[in-house]
């Protein structure tokens, strides 16, 4: 019995192209005719192909979001959805609003809905996550967190922290305030912070102060409004662009000139950072590329192919107006 892999090999196309054809997705006329000839050659009816396809995967990929208003999640979805369409799949999304119980429940529910695989955008990985993922019969790819016991894909947040710190050394700030998030989030709350510390350790006399807030702009605004009335530093580094924007709003409310009296930088590379005033200096984490890469990995997981190596996700430091040179008063 010929398989999708066999059809693809005989037609000289990829398995995803055959999948798109079987799911009525777009393929060129020439390719469609070539695949159909092979179907006829092996005397398989469309129903037999449908059963074969069903035994391997459906045309839906489940996606579990931590919150629907996250710029990083939205950007990741853009890249993911675009590539999933190429593979002939659609997204079935669930918003958990940062509720771990709902994440676990959603993993089970998506499996029951016969999705091809599940992509979990996680803010934390607990033992419950690990135990649940191991019981599922569909492949699960975790984005945003790393654990050797599961298949995961994330940025090198430690290196991103170093990269930002090293890039800002030239501005001469020695009193730096790092505004982070809960350390339950290992990637953003721990590794990103550790990278910033390592990067600034190269400059003698640097003083680092640490504050913690939530992921929402409003949380960072309220913290910033209290903090910036008597600033503990001249440079504020935020764990995310959302936090940085909250701090900037607080500075504006207090009449503080950003880029002169205090400087602000973040992580994310959200498009909004180029439109706030002054524009935000940030690490661009290329979330759209992360989404596209996640789709490529899911394609291999669905077909039980080995993921030999995962390409490194690029990071870039975008110098903008929110960071200025330190002025000794």
Foldseek 3Di string as FASTA:
>chain_A
DDALCNLCVQLVHDSLLVVCLLLVADDDPVSNVSSVVVCVVVPHDNVNNVVRVLVQFDQEEEEEAQAPPDLLVVLLVVLQQVLSSSSNHHYDYDHDVNDVVVVLVVLVVVLVVGHLEYEYADQADDVSNLVSCVPGPHAYEYEQDDDPSHHYDYAQLLQQLLVVLLVQVVLPWQEEEEEFEDCSRVRLRPRNVNSVVVNNVVDPNHHYHYHYFDPALCGLLVVLLVQVVPPRTQEYEYSAVSSQVSNVVSCVVVVHDFQASHAYAYEDPRPCQVVDVQRHWYKHQSSSVVSNQVNVVSVCRSVVHDPPDRDHRDIDTDDTRRHYHDDDD
